[in-house]
Amino acid sequence: MATRGRWYVGLNHGTHDAACALLLDGDIIVSVEQERLSRNKRAVEEPPVDALKHCLDFAGITLADVDGVALGADHDDLAEWLGLDEHERTQRLPYNSPDWAFRLRMR
């Protein structure tokens, strides 16, 4: 299915219900919850690794083909899971301002 266009990954990571969605030019191509692949109800404390792999494989692309990632999560928990200190968190997860997405889009 791999095709030219702008690919975006949406990831939900938190204490439960991890999931991934893959969009091509704004259209949802595939989405799946982590629990469907791990067979663990609600995928408690599981990052959406299998869900991400499933979505990329379905579309026939790799992470190198992805143009952007949207995170739906408790960003404090995500920063802790990623091992980010407070400075790194504000640099890598600067989502406290509602207009952050528009600044990124303009780049």
C-alpha atoms as a PDB file:
ATOM      1  CA  MET A   1       0.000   0.000   0.000  1.00  0.00           C
ATOM      2  CA  ALA A   2       2.972   2.355   0.438  1.00  0.00           C
ATOM      3  CA  THR A   3       2.275   5.507  -1.485  1.00  0.00           C
ATOM      4  CA  ARG A   4       3.688   9.014  -1.650  1.00  0.00           C
ATOM      5  CA  GLY A   5       2.049  11.564   0.564  1.00  0.00           C
ATOM      6  CA  ARG A   6       2.373  12.780   4.128  1.00  0.00           C
ATOM      7  CA  TRP A   7       2.183  10.028   6.737  1.00  0.00           C
ATOM      8  CA  TYR A   8       1.222  10.778  10.335  1.00  0.00           C
ATOM      9  CA  VAL A   9       1.157   8.467  13.324  1.00  0.00           C
ATOM     10  CA  GLY A  10      -1.166   9.021  16.273  1.00  0.00           C
ATOM     11  CA  LEU A  11      -0.123   7.271  19.471  1.00  0.00           C
ATOM     12  CA  ASN A  12      -1.995   6.948  22.727  1.00  0.00           C
ATOM     13  CA  HIS A  13       0.167   5.897  25.633  1.00  0.00           C
ATOM     14  CA  GLY A  14      -0.797   6.043  29.254  1.00  0.00           C
ATOM     15  CA  THR A  15      -1.617   3.627  32.005  1.00  0.00           C
ATOM     16  CA  HIS A  16      -4.135   1.781  29.809  1.00  0.00           C
ATOM     17  CA  ASP A  17      -5.750   1.645  26.359  1.00  0.00           C
ATOM     18  CA  ALA A  18      -2.582   2.196  24.319  1.00  0.00           C
ATOM     19  CA  ALA A  19      -3.300   2.512  20.602  1.00  0.00           C
ATOM     20  CA  CYS A  20      -1.941   3.633  17.249  1.00  0.00           C
ATOM     21  CA  ALA A  21      -3.509   5.214  14.174  1.00  0.00           C
ATOM     22  CA  LEU A  22      -1.824   5.847  10.839  1.00  0.00           C
ATOM     23  CA  LEU A  23      -3.004   8.614   8.534  1.00  0.00           C
ATOM     24  CA  LEU A  24      -2.066   9.433   4.949  1.00  0.00           C
ATOM     25  CA  ASP A  25      -2.725  13.044   3.984  1.00  0.00           C
ATOM     26  CA  GLY A  26      -5.247  13.298   6.830  1.00  0.00           C
ATOM     27  CA  ASP A  27      -7.186  10.115   6.020  1.00  0.00           C
ATOM     28  CA  ILE A  28      -7.120   7.248   8.523  1.00  0.00           C
ATOM     29  CA  ILE A  29      -5.543   4.226   6.854  1.00  0.00           C
ATOM     30  CA  VAL A  30      -5.423   1.877   9.841  1.00  0.00           C
ATOM     31  CA  SER A  31      -5.814   1.979  13.605  1.00  0.00           C
ATOM     32  CA  VAL A  32      -5.534  -0.662  16.288  1.00  0.00           C
ATOM     33  CA  GLU A  33      -5.492  -0.886  20.055  1.00  0.00           C
ATOM     34  CA  GLN A  34      -2.490  -2.524  21.695  1.00  0.00           C
ATOM     35  CA  GLU A  35      -4.763  -4.938  23.586  1.00  0.00           C
ATOM     36  CA  ARG A  36      -5.910  -6.526  20.314  1.00  0.00           C
ATOM     37  CA  LEU A  37      -2.359  -7.595  19.576  1.00  0.00           C
ATOM     38  CA  SER A  38      -1.020  -8.381  23.049  1.00  0.00           C
ATOM     39  CA  ARG A  39      -4.273 -10.056  24.135  1.00  0.00           C
ATOM     40  CA  ASN A  40      -4.044  -8.240  27.476  1.00  0.00           C
ATOM     41  CA  LYS A  41      -7.328  -6.498  28.290  1.00  0.00           C
ATOM     42  CA  ARG A  42      -6.844  -2.698  28.304  1.00  0.00           C
ATOM     43  CA  ALA A  43      -3.083  -3.198  27.723  1.00  0.00           C
ATOM     44  CA  VAL A  44      -2.312  -1.858  31.197  1.00  0.00           C
ATOM     45  CA  GLU A  45       1.166  -0.254  31.329  1.00  0.00           C
ATOM     46  CA  GLU A  46       1.923  -1.375  27.745  1.00  0.00           C
ATOM     47  CA  PRO A  47       3.339   1.115  25.244  1.00  0.00           C
ATOM     48  CA  PRO A  48       1.727   0.847  21.783  1.00  0.00           C
ATOM     49  CA  VAL A  49       4.781  -0.830  20.246  1.00  0.00           C
ATOM     50  CA  ASP A  50       2.918  -3.749  18.661  1.00  0.00           C
ATOM     51  CA  ALA A  51       0.138  -1.424  17.478  1.00  0.00           C
ATOM     52  CA  LEU A  52       2.670   0.875  15.807  1.00  0.00           C
ATOM     53  CA  LYS A  53       4.415  -2.051  14.105  1.00  0.00           C
ATOM     54  CA  HIS A  54       1.078  -3.412  12.900  1.00  0.00           C
ATOM     55  CA  CYS A  55       0.075  -0.057  11.389  1.00  0.00           C
ATOM     56  CA  LEU A  56       3.420   0.463   9.653  1.00  0.00           C
ATOM     57  CA  ASP A  57       3.422  -3.100   8.303  1.00  0.00           C
ATOM     58  CA  PHE A  58      -0.170  -2.742   7.082  1.00  0.00           C
ATOM     59  CA  ALA A  59       0.785   0.336   5.063  1.00  0.00           C
ATOM     60  CA  GLY A  60       4.108  -1.080   3.912  1.00  0.00           C
ATOM     61  CA  ILE A  61       6.133   1.813   5.333  1.00  0.00           C
ATOM     62  CA  THR A  62       8.790   2.320   8.006  1.00  0.00           C
ATOM     63  CA  LEU A  63       9.307   4.978  10.670  1.00  0.00           C
ATOM     64  CA  ALA A  64      11.587   6.779   8.217  1.00  0.00           C
ATOM     65  CA  ASP A  65       8.524   7.412   6.017  1.00  0.00           C
ATOM     66  CA  VAL A  66       6.551   9.108   8.815  1.00  0.00           C
ATOM     67  CA  ASP A  67       6.303  12.898   8.595  1.00  0.00           C
ATOM     68  CA  GLY A  68       4.853  13.565  12.042  1.00  0.00           C
ATOM     69  CA  VAL A  69       3.686  12.011  15.278  1.00  0.00           C
ATOM     70  CA  ALA A  70       0.772  13.117  17.457  1.00  0.00           C
ATOM     71  CA  LEU A  71       0.758  11.968  21.064  1.00  0.00           C
ATOM     72  CA  GLY A  72      -2.375  11.489  23.091  1.00  0.00           C
ATOM     73  CA  ALA A  73      -1.224  10.749  26.588  1.00  0.00           C
ATOM     74  CA  ASP A  74      -0.549  12.050  30.029  1.00  0.00           C
ATOM     75  CA  HIS A  75       2.595  13.913  29.026  1.00  0.00           C
ATOM     76  CA  ASP A  76       4.091  13.759  32.502  1.00  0.00           C
ATOM     77  CA  ASP A  77       3.767   9.955  32.475  1.00  0.00           C
ATOM     78  CA  LEU A  78       5.083   9.848  28.917  1.00  0.00           C
ATOM     79  CA  ALA A  79       8.101  11.972  29.843  1.00  0.00           C
ATOM     80  CA  GLU A  80       8.812   9.665  32.763  1.00  0.00           C
ATOM     81  CA  TRP A  81       8.480   6.586  30.522  1.00  0.00           C
ATOM     82  CA  LEU A  82      10.880   8.183  28.019  1.00  0.00           C
ATOM     83  CA  GLY A  83      13.295   9.078  30.843  1.00  0.00           C
ATOM     84  CA  LEU A  84      13.169  12.824  30.146  1.00  0.00           C
ATOM     85  CA  ASP A  85      14.226  15.342  32.781  1.00  0.00           C
ATOM     86  CA  GLU A  86      12.200  18.577  33.175  1.00  0.00           C
ATOM     87  CA  HIS A  87      14.272  20.527  30.636  1.00  0.00           C
ATOM     88  CA  GLU A  88      14.086  17.727  28.059  1.00  0.00           C
ATOM     89  CA  ARG A  89      10.341  17.402  28.688  1.00  0.00           C
ATOM     90  CA  THR A  90       9.703  21.065  27.851  1.00  0.00           C
ATOM     91  CA  GLN A  91      11.870  20.779  24.732  1.00  0.00           C
ATOM     92  CA  ARG A  92      10.515  17.475  23.419  1.00  0.00           C
ATOM     93  CA  LEU A  93       6.944  17.607  24.705  1.00  0.00           C
ATOM     94  CA  PRO A  94       6.054  21.329  24.499  1.00  0.00           C
ATOM     95  CA  TYR A  95       2.314  20.772  24.509  1.00  0.00           C
ATOM     96  CA  ASN A  96       1.244  23.064  27.333  1.00  0.00           C
ATOM     97  CA  SER A  97       0.248  25.819  24.894  1.00  0.00           C
ATOM     98  CA  PRO A  98      -2.838  25.215  22.727  1.00  0.00           C
ATOM     99  CA  ASP A  99      -1.144  26.734  19.672  1.00  0.00           C
ATOM    100  CA  TRP A 100       1.884  24.396  19.625  1.00  0.00           C
ATOM    101  CA  ALA A 101       0.508  22.444  16.653  1.00  0.00           C
ATOM    102  CA  PHE A 102       0.135  25.578  14.557  1.00  0.00           C
ATOM    103  CA  ARG A 103       3.736  26.613  15.247  1.00  0.00           C
ATOM    104  CA  LEU A 104       4.944  23.173  14.187  1.00  0.00           C
ATOM    105  CA  ARG A 105       2.798  23.201  11.042  1.00  0.00           C
ATOM    106  CA  MET A 106       4.303  26.525   9.960  1.00  0.00           C
ATOM    107  CA  ARG A 107       7.874  25.203   9.998  1.00  0.00           C
END
